[in-house]
Protein backbone atom coordinates (compact mmCIF):
# COMPACT_ATOMS: atom_id res chain seq x y z
CA UNK A 1 34.51 73.87 217.18
CA UNK A 2 32.54 76.59 217.70
CA UNK A 3 32.23 79.17 214.85
CA UNK A 4 31.55 81.47 216.58
CA UNK A 5 34.82 81.80 218.23
CA UNK A 6 36.85 81.11 214.61
CA UNK A 7 34.93 84.08 213.48
CA UNK A 8 36.12 86.17 216.56
CA UNK A 9 39.85 84.53 216.04
CA UNK A 10 40.01 85.38 212.53
CA UNK A 11 38.45 89.04 213.45
CA UNK A 12 41.31 89.57 215.97
CA UNK A 13 43.95 88.29 213.37
CA UNK A 14 43.28 90.44 211.17
CA UNK A 15 43.14 93.56 212.81
CA UNK A 16 45.67 92.66 215.86
CA UNK A 17 43.40 94.13 218.26
CA UNK A 18 40.43 92.68 220.47
CA UNK A 19 38.88 96.53 220.39
CA UNK A 20 38.55 96.44 216.65
CA UNK A 21 37.39 92.78 216.48
CA UNK A 22 34.99 93.72 218.92
CA UNK A 23 33.59 96.66 216.62
CA UNK A 24 33.53 94.62 213.83
CA UNK A 25 31.95 91.80 215.47
CA UNK A 26 29.50 94.17 216.71
CA UNK A 27 30.07 92.70 220.28
CA UNK A 28 31.73 94.02 223.62
CA UNK A 29 35.59 93.45 223.53
CA UNK A 30 35.77 91.16 226.89
CA UNK A 31 33.64 89.19 224.97
CA UNK A 32 36.24 88.68 222.63
CA UNK A 33 39.10 88.21 224.67
CA UNK A 34 36.84 85.31 226.62
CA UNK A 35 36.33 83.31 223.42
CA UNK A 36 39.43 83.74 222.06
CA UNK A 37 40.57 82.44 225.64
CA UNK A 38 38.00 79.63 225.31
CA UNK A 39 39.28 78.63 221.86
CA UNK A 40 43.02 78.72 222.87
CA UNK A 41 42.14 76.40 225.71
CA UNK A 42 39.93 74.00 223.09
CA UNK A 43 42.54 73.82 220.87
CA UNK A 44 46.01 73.55 223.88
CA UNK A 45 47.60 76.37 222.69
CA UNK A 46 47.85 79.89 223.04
CA UNK A 47 47.01 82.00 219.30
CA UNK A 48 47.91 85.68 221.29
CA UNK A 49 50.65 86.90 222.38
CA UNK A 50 49.79 89.32 224.46
CA UNK A 51 52.03 92.35 225.09
CA UNK A 52 50.19 95.26 227.36
CA UNK A 53 47.79 96.50 224.78
CA UNK A 54 49.38 94.96 222.02
CA UNK A 55 48.48 91.07 220.36
CA UNK A 56 50.65 89.59 217.50
CA UNK A 57 50.09 85.70 216.35
CA UNK A 58 51.81 83.38 217.95
CA UNK A 59 53.40 80.56 215.59
CA UNK A 60 50.20 78.15 216.25
CA UNK A 61 48.16 81.23 215.21
CA UNK A 62 49.46 82.13 211.90
CA UNK A 63 49.29 78.09 211.28
CA UNK A 64 45.70 77.99 211.65
CA UNK A 65 45.03 81.39 210.44
CA UNK A 66 44.36 79.92 206.77
CA UNK A 67 43.03 76.68 208.10
CA UNK A 68 39.94 79.11 209.80
CA UNK A 69 39.50 81.07 206.93
CA UNK A 70 38.93 77.60 204.66
CA UNK A 71 36.51 76.54 207.58
CA UNK A 72 34.41 79.58 207.61
CA UNK A 73 34.07 79.76 203.59
CA UNK A 74 33.33 75.94 203.62
CA UNK A 75 30.74 76.64 206.51
CA UNK A 76 29.42 79.83 204.21
CA UNK A 77 29.00 77.50 201.08
CA UNK A 78 27.30 74.55 203.01
CA UNK A 79 24.45 77.11 204.59
CA UNK A 80 24.10 78.19 200.36
CA UNK A 81 24.18 75.01 198.86
CA UNK A 82 21.30 74.16 202.10
CA UNK A 83 19.55 76.84 200.87
CA UNK A 84 19.27 76.03 197.55
CA UNK A 85 18.18 72.59 197.94
CA UNK A 86 15.54 73.53 199.93
CA UNK A 87 14.07 76.25 197.79
CA UNK A 88 14.43 73.45 194.96
CA UNK A 89 17.23 75.15 193.08
CA UNK A 90 19.95 72.66 193.60
CA UNK A 91 19.04 68.51 193.67
CA UNK A 92 18.45 65.84 191.33
CA UNK A 93 16.04 65.36 188.89
CA UNK A 94 15.41 61.79 187.73
CA UNK A 95 13.52 60.90 184.14
CA UNK A 96 12.15 57.87 183.29
CA UNK A 97 10.31 57.07 180.09
CA UNK A 98 9.08 54.28 177.87
CA UNK A 99 10.39 53.45 174.52
CA UNK A 100 7.71 55.36 171.77
CA UNK A 101 8.15 58.75 174.39
CA UNK A 102 11.68 59.05 173.50
CA UNK A 103 10.70 60.62 169.91
CA UNK A 104 6.85 62.32 171.11
CA UNK A 105 7.58 63.83 174.74
CA UNK A 106 11.33 63.56 175.44
CA UNK A 107 13.14 66.44 172.86
CA UNK A 108 10.02 69.48 174.07
CA UNK A 109 11.53 69.00 177.44
CA UNK A 110 15.50 68.62 176.58
CA UNK A 111 15.79 72.45 176.06
CA UNK A 112 13.97 73.80 179.31
CA UNK A 113 15.55 71.49 181.72
CA UNK A 114 19.36 72.52 182.07
CA UNK A 115 17.38 76.36 182.28
CA UNK A 116 14.87 74.91 185.36
CA UNK A 117 18.27 72.88 186.99
CA UNK A 118 20.81 75.44 186.76
């Protein structure tokens, strides 16, 4: 499933106008129409009722809109986590120590670890 098509569908569903959706997505209107048509073909269902210049969501379109919004939010979260992990901001740290370091080396490190890991 192409996330670009999902974004175009969401934009068109929110505006109920392919031209305004195209403006929002900074593309030409035929690109929105073509990608939504391909998305409909991929899903095997019409997502919009096209009546002249007016468009309305079909029942399938209404049902998948919340799912598409969740999908896009999850994709953004995935990108955020990947960037944080790549920058060393997010991840795991493992500590190993011998018994005699518990009293001398470990206590000074404990206060700074949460700051470094948050």
